[in-house]
Amino acid sequence: MKAQDLLGKTADELKTELLQLKKEQFNLRFQKASGQLENTARQRQVRRDIARIKTVMSASAAS
């Protein structure tokens, strides 16, 4: 996910995307704890995507 892609989305779309990523992050944490996580790099991707969305949301709220 690129920040440029996020800039064109509305606040509601960003909130929906953020909620979806947080759910995925939660599930990945449980998979890791139970030893079922295969793609460990996905945790990092999800965490960074969440940060990107939060950054875009705060930037658009400030302007």
PDB file of N, CA and C in Angstrom:
ATOM      1  N   MET A   1       0.851  -1.174   0.000  1.00  0.00           N
ATOM      2  CA  MET A   1       0.000   0.000   0.000  1.00  0.00           C
ATOM      3  C   MET A   1       0.900   1.241   0.000  1.00  0.00           C
ATOM      4  N   LYS A   2       0.585   2.161  -0.879  1.00  0.00           N
ATOM      5  CA  LYS A   2       1.351   3.395  -0.985  1.00  0.00           C
ATOM      6  C   LYS A   2       0.565   4.550  -0.388  1.00  0.00           C
ATOM      7  N   ALA A   3       1.272   5.529   0.115  1.00  0.00           N
ATOM      8  CA  ALA A   3       0.626   6.694   0.704  1.00  0.00           C
ATOM      9  C   ALA A   3      -0.167   7.457  -0.356  1.00  0.00           C
ATOM     10  N   GLN A   4       0.302   7.457  -1.585  1.00  0.00           N
ATOM     11  CA  GLN A   4      -0.402   8.150  -2.669  1.00  0.00           C
ATOM     12  C   GLN A   4      -1.789   7.541  -2.883  1.00  0.00           C
ATOM     13  N   ASP A   5      -1.893   6.237  -2.738  1.00  0.00           N
ATOM     14  CA  ASP A   5      -3.183   5.561  -2.893  1.00  0.00           C
ATOM     15  C   ASP A   5      -4.154   5.997  -1.805  1.00  0.00           C
ATOM     16  N   LEU A   6      -3.618   6.251  -0.622  1.00  0.00           N
ATOM     17  CA  LEU A   6      -4.460   6.615   0.512  1.00  0.00           C
ATOM     18  C   LEU A   6      -4.952   8.053   0.438  1.00  0.00           C
ATOM     19  N   LEU A   7      -4.200   8.915  -0.213  1.00  0.00           N
ATOM     20  CA  LEU A   7      -4.568  10.331  -0.271  1.00  0.00           C
ATOM     21  C   LEU A   7      -5.878  10.557  -1.018  1.00  0.00           C
ATOM     22  N   GLY A   8      -6.203   9.679  -1.945  1.00  0.00           N
ATOM     23  CA  GLY A   8      -7.422   9.834  -2.724  1.00  0.00           C
ATOM     24  C   GLY A   8      -8.665   9.272  -2.050  1.00  0.00           C
ATOM     25  N   LYS A   9      -8.493   8.634  -0.903  1.00  0.00           N
ATOM     26  CA  LYS A   9      -9.640   8.010  -0.232  1.00  0.00           C
ATOM     27  C   LYS A   9     -10.297   8.973   0.746  1.00  0.00           C
ATOM     28  N   THR A  10     -11.572   8.723   0.994  1.00  0.00           N
ATOM     29  CA  THR A  10     -12.312   9.544   1.950  1.00  0.00           C
ATOM     30  C   THR A  10     -11.995   9.091   3.378  1.00  0.00           C
ATOM     31  N   ALA A  11     -12.430   9.886   4.342  1.00  0.00           N
ATOM     32  CA  ALA A  11     -12.174   9.570   5.751  1.00  0.00           C
ATOM     33  C   ALA A  11     -12.851   8.250   6.145  1.00  0.00           C
ATOM     34  N   ASP A  12     -14.044   8.016   5.625  1.00  0.00           N
ATOM     35  CA  ASP A  12     -14.752   6.765   5.940  1.00  0.00           C
ATOM     36  C   ASP A  12     -14.026   5.550   5.369  1.00  0.00           C
ATOM     37  N   GLU A  13     -13.507   5.694   4.161  1.00  0.00           N
ATOM     38  CA  GLU A  13     -12.757   4.592   3.557  1.00  0.00           C
ATOM     39  C   GLU A  13     -11.488   4.307   4.343  1.00  0.00           C
ATOM     40  N   LEU A  14     -10.830   5.360   4.809  1.00  0.00           N
ATOM     41  CA  LEU A  14      -9.614   5.180   5.601  1.00  0.00           C
ATOM     42  C   LEU A  14      -9.917   4.488   6.928  1.00  0.00           C
ATOM     43  N   LYS A  15     -11.028   4.868   7.556  1.00  0.00           N
ATOM     44  CA  LYS A  15     -11.407   4.240   8.821  1.00  0.00           C
ATOM     45  C   LYS A  15     -11.714   2.762   8.622  1.00  0.00           C
ATOM     46  N   THR A  16     -12.395   2.439   7.531  1.00  0.00           N
ATOM     47  CA  THR A  16     -12.716   1.052   7.228  1.00  0.00           C
ATOM     48  C   THR A  16     -11.443   0.246   6.998  1.00  0.00           C
ATOM     49  N   GLU A  17     -10.530   0.814   6.238  1.00  0.00           N
ATOM     50  CA  GLU A  17      -9.258   0.144   5.957  1.00  0.00           C
ATOM     51  C   GLU A  17      -8.454  -0.055   7.247  1.00  0.00           C
ATOM     52  N   LEU A  18      -8.455   0.951   8.106  1.00  0.00           N
ATOM     53  CA  LEU A  18      -7.741   0.865   9.379  1.00  0.00           C
ATOM     54  C   LEU A  18      -8.323  -0.240  10.255  1.00  0.00           C
ATOM     55  N   LEU A  19      -9.636  -0.314  10.319  1.00  0.00           N
ATOM     56  CA  LEU A  19     -10.297  -1.349  11.115  1.00  0.00           C
ATOM     57  C   LEU A  19      -9.961  -2.742  10.596  1.00  0.00           C
ATOM     58  N   GLN A  20      -9.951  -2.887   9.291  1.00  0.00           N
ATOM     59  CA  GLN A  20      -9.631  -4.171   8.679  1.00  0.00           C
ATOM     60  C   GLN A  20      -8.188  -4.580   8.992  1.00  0.00           C
ATOM     61  N   LEU A  21      -7.266  -3.628   8.920  1.00  0.00           N
ATOM     62  CA  LEU A  21      -5.867  -3.936   9.197  1.00  0.00           C
ATOM     63  C   LEU A  21      -5.645  -4.275  10.671  1.00  0.00           C
ATOM     64  N   LYS A  22      -6.367  -3.605  11.556  1.00  0.00           N
ATOM     65  CA  LYS A  22      -6.231  -3.905  12.988  1.00  0.00           C
ATOM     66  C   LYS A  22      -6.741  -5.310  13.299  1.00  0.00           C
ATOM     67  N   LYS A  23      -7.815  -5.721  12.627  1.00  0.00           N
ATOM     68  CA  LYS A  23      -8.320  -7.080  12.807  1.00  0.00           C
ATOM     69  C   LYS A  23      -7.306  -8.101  12.300  1.00  0.00           C
ATOM     70  N   GLU A  24      -6.697  -7.785  11.152  1.00  0.00           N
ATOM     71  CA  GLU A  24      -5.689  -8.690  10.604  1.00  0.00           C
ATOM     72  C   GLU A  24      -4.480  -8.782  11.537  1.00  0.00           C
ATOM     73  N   GLN A  25      -4.086  -7.647  12.097  1.00  0.00           N
ATOM     74  CA  GLN A  25      -2.958  -7.633  13.024  1.00  0.00           C
ATOM     75  C   GLN A  25      -3.261  -8.496  14.251  1.00  0.00           C
ATOM     76  N   PHE A  26      -4.475  -8.401  14.751  1.00  0.00           N
ATOM     77  CA  PHE A  26      -4.905  -9.204  15.891  1.00  0.00           C
ATOM     78  C   PHE A  26      -4.807 -10.695  15.557  1.00  0.00           C
ATOM     79  N   ASN A  27      -5.324 -11.066  14.378  1.00  0.00           N
ATOM     80  CA  ASN A  27      -5.283 -12.471  13.965  1.00  0.00           C
ATOM     81  C   ASN A  27      -3.855 -12.963  13.764  1.00  0.00           C
ATOM     82  N   LEU A  28      -3.001 -12.116  13.227  1.00  0.00           N
ATOM     83  CA  LEU A  28      -1.602 -12.501  13.029  1.00  0.00           C
ATOM     84  C   LEU A  28      -0.910 -12.747  14.369  1.00  0.00           C
ATOM     85  N   ARG A  29      -1.251 -11.929  15.367  1.00  0.00           N
ATOM     86  CA  ARG A  29      -0.665 -12.111  16.694  1.00  0.00           C
ATOM     87  C   ARG A  29      -1.050 -13.471  17.274  1.00  0.00           C
ATOM     88  N   PHE A  30      -2.307 -13.856  17.104  1.00  0.00           N
ATOM     89  CA  PHE A  30      -2.753 -15.152  17.608  1.00  0.00           C
ATOM     90  C   PHE A  30      -2.104 -16.296  16.836  1.00  0.00           C
ATOM     91  N   GLN A  31      -1.949 -16.125  15.542  1.00  0.00           N
ATOM     92  CA  GLN A  31      -1.297 -17.165  14.747  1.00  0.00           C
ATOM     93  C   GLN A  31       0.149 -17.351  15.194  1.00  0.00           C
ATOM     94  N   LYS A  32       0.829 -16.254  15.486  1.00  0.00           N
ATOM     95  CA  LYS A  32       2.215 -16.345  15.928  1.00  0.00           C
ATOM     96  C   LYS A  32       2.298 -17.052  17.275  1.00  0.00           C
ATOM     97  N   ALA A  33       1.398 -16.726  18.182  1.00  0.00           N
ATOM     98  CA  ALA A  33       1.415 -17.324  19.513  1.00  0.00           C
ATOM     99  C   ALA A  33       1.138 -18.831  19.466  1.00  0.00           C
ATOM    100  N   SER A  34       0.308 -19.249  18.514  1.00  0.00           N
ATOM    101  CA  SER A  34      -0.024 -20.664  18.421  1.00  0.00           C
ATOM    102  C   SER A  34       0.901 -21.419  17.471  1.00  0.00           C
ATOM    103  N   GLY A  35       1.858 -20.718  16.882  1.00  0.00           N
ATOM    104  CA  GLY A  35       2.823 -21.376  16.002  1.00  0.00           C
ATOM    105  C   GLY A  35       2.309 -21.652  14.608  1.00  0.00           C
ATOM    106  N   GLN A  36       1.250 -20.997  14.198  1.00  0.00           N
ATOM    107  CA  GLN A  36       0.668 -21.243  12.882  1.00  0.00           C
ATOM    108  C   GLN A  36       1.036 -20.175  11.856  1.00  0.00           C
ATOM    109  N   LEU A  37       1.761 -19.157  12.270  1.00  0.00           N
ATOM    110  CA  LEU A  37       2.084 -18.048  11.362  1.00  0.00           C
ATOM    111  C   LEU A  37       3.157 -18.480  10.382  1.00  0.00           C
ATOM    112  N   GLU A  38       2.849 -18.396   9.104  1.00  0.00           N
ATOM    113  CA  GLU A  38       3.806 -18.790   8.073  1.00  0.00           C
ATOM    114  C   GLU A  38       4.530 -17.593   7.482  1.00  0.00           C
ATOM    115  N   ASN A  39       3.796 -16.523   7.200  1.00  0.00           N
ATOM    116  CA  ASN A  39       4.394 -15.337   6.584  1.00  0.00           C
ATOM    117  C   ASN A  39       4.656 -14.291   7.667  1.00  0.00           C
ATOM    118  N   THR A  40       5.822 -14.348   8.263  1.00  0.00           N
ATOM    119  CA  THR A  40       6.139 -13.438   9.370  1.00  0.00           C
ATOM    120  C   THR A  40       6.329 -12.005   8.882  1.00  0.00           C
ATOM    121  N   ALA A  41       6.658 -11.823   7.632  1.00  0.00           N
ATOM    122  CA  ALA A  41       6.853 -10.479   7.090  1.00  0.00           C
ATOM    123  C   ALA A  41       5.536  -9.711   7.011  1.00  0.00           C
ATOM    124  N   ARG A  42       4.426 -10.418   6.992  1.00  0.00           N
ATOM    125  CA  ARG A  42       3.114  -9.765   6.892  1.00  0.00           C
ATOM    126  C   ARG A  42       2.834  -8.913   8.126  1.00  0.00           C
ATOM    127  N   GLN A  43       3.343  -9.312   9.291  1.00  0.00           N
ATOM    128  CA  GLN A  43       3.155  -8.518  10.504  1.00  0.00           C
ATOM    129  C   GLN A  43       3.752  -7.120  10.319  1.00  0.00           C
ATOM    130  N   ARG A  44       4.931  -7.068   9.760  1.00  0.00           N
ATOM    131  CA  ARG A  44       5.604  -5.791   9.534  1.00  0.00           C
ATOM    132  C   ARG A  44       4.846  -4.939   8.525  1.00  0.00           C
ATOM    133  N   GLN A  45       4.374  -5.571   7.454  1.00  0.00           N
ATOM    134  CA  GLN A  45       3.612  -4.851   6.438  1.00  0.00           C
ATOM    135  C   GLN A  45       2.346  -4.243   7.022  1.00  0.00           C
ATOM    136  N   VAL A  46       1.639  -5.021   7.810  1.00  0.00           N
ATOM    137  CA  VAL A  46       0.385  -4.553   8.399  1.00  0.00           C
ATOM    138  C   VAL A  46       0.655  -3.396   9.352  1.00  0.00           C
ATOM    139  N   ARG A  47       1.678  -3.533  10.176  1.00  0.00           N
ATOM    140  CA  ARG A  47       2.009  -2.483  11.136  1.00  0.00           C
ATOM    141  C   ARG A  47       2.347  -1.169  10.417  1.00  0.00           C
ATOM    142  N   ARG A  48       3.087  -1.262   9.345  1.00  0.00           N
ATOM    143  CA  ARG A  48       3.462  -0.057   8.593  1.00  0.00           C
ATOM    144  C   ARG A  48       2.277   0.534   7.833  1.00  0.00           C
ATOM    145  N   ASP A  49       1.403  -0.322   7.323  1.00  0.00           N
ATOM    146  CA  ASP A  49       0.206   0.174   6.643  1.00  0.00           C
ATOM    147  C   ASP A  49      -0.697   0.917   7.620  1.00  0.00           C
ATOM    148  N   ILE A  50      -0.813   0.410   8.845  1.00  0.00           N
ATOM    149  CA  ILE A  50      -1.593   1.093   9.870  1.00  0.00           C
ATOM    150  C   ILE A  50      -0.996   2.475  10.139  1.00  0.00           C
ATOM    151  N   ALA A  51       0.307   2.538  10.240  1.00  0.00           N
ATOM    152  CA  ALA A  51       0.975   3.824  10.482  1.00  0.00           C
ATOM    153  C   ALA A  51       0.741   4.788   9.321  1.00  0.00           C
ATOM    154  N   ARG A  52       0.781   4.277   8.093  1.00  0.00           N
ATOM    155  CA  ARG A  52       0.540   5.135   6.924  1.00  0.00           C
ATOM    156  C   ARG A  52      -0.865   5.724   6.956  1.00  0.00           C
ATOM    157  N   ILE A  53      -1.836   4.878   7.260  1.00  0.00           N
ATOM    158  CA  ILE A  53      -3.223   5.350   7.300  1.00  0.00           C
ATOM    159  C   ILE A  53      -3.396   6.403   8.381  1.00  0.00           C
ATOM    160  N   LYS A  54      -2.830   6.149   9.558  1.00  0.00           N
ATOM    161  CA  LYS A  54      -2.948   7.116  10.648  1.00  0.00           C
ATOM    162  C   LYS A  54      -2.280   8.438  10.291  1.00  0.00           C
ATOM    163  N   THR A  55      -1.168   8.384   9.591  1.00  0.00           N
ATOM    164  CA  THR A  55      -0.470   9.599   9.177  1.00  0.00           C
ATOM    165  C   THR A  55      -1.315  10.397   8.190  1.00  0.00           C
ATOM    166  N   VAL A  56      -1.893   9.717   7.210  1.00  0.00           N
ATOM    167  CA  VAL A  56      -2.727  10.396   6.218  1.00  0.00           C
ATOM    168  C   VAL A  56      -3.968  10.984   6.889  1.00  0.00           C
ATOM    169  N   MET A  57      -4.546  10.240   7.831  1.00  0.00           N
ATOM    170  CA  MET A  57      -5.741  10.735   8.521  1.00  0.00           C
ATOM    171  C   MET A  57      -5.425  11.985   9.341  1.00  0.00           C
ATOM    172  N   SER A  58      -4.298  11.991  10.034  1.00  0.00           N
ATOM    173  CA  SER A  58      -3.956  13.161  10.858  1.00  0.00           C
ATOM    174  C   SER A  58      -3.569  14.341   9.987  1.00  0.00           C
ATOM    175  N   ALA A  59      -2.944  14.087   8.850  1.00  0.00           N
ATOM    176  CA  ALA A  59      -2.560  15.173   7.948  1.00  0.00           C
ATOM    177  C   ALA A  59      -3.816  15.818   7.332  1.00  0.00           C
ATOM    178  N   SER A  60      -4.789  15.000   6.978  1.00  0.00           N
ATOM    179  CA  SER A  60      -5.996  15.548   6.372  1.00  0.00           C
ATOM    180  C   SER A  60      -6.862  16.253   7.427  1.00  0.00           C
ATOM    181  N   ALA A  61      -6.790  15.815   8.666  1.00  0.00           N
ATOM    182  CA  ALA A  61      -7.547  16.457   9.735  1.00  0.00           C
ATOM    183  C   ALA A  61      -6.948  17.816  10.092  1.00  0.00           C
ATOM    184  N   ALA A  62      -5.644  17.934   9.942  1.00  0.00           N
ATOM    185  CA  ALA A  62      -4.967  19.183  10.283  1.00  0.00           C
ATOM    186  C   ALA A  62      -5.199  20.269   9.235  1.00  0.00           C
ATOM    187  N   SER A  63      -5.477  19.863   8.013  1.00  0.00           N
ATOM    188  CA  SER A  63      -5.648  20.866   6.947  1.00  0.00           C
ATOM    189  C   SER A  63      -7.076  21.209   6.671  1.00  0.00           C
TER     190      SER A  63
END
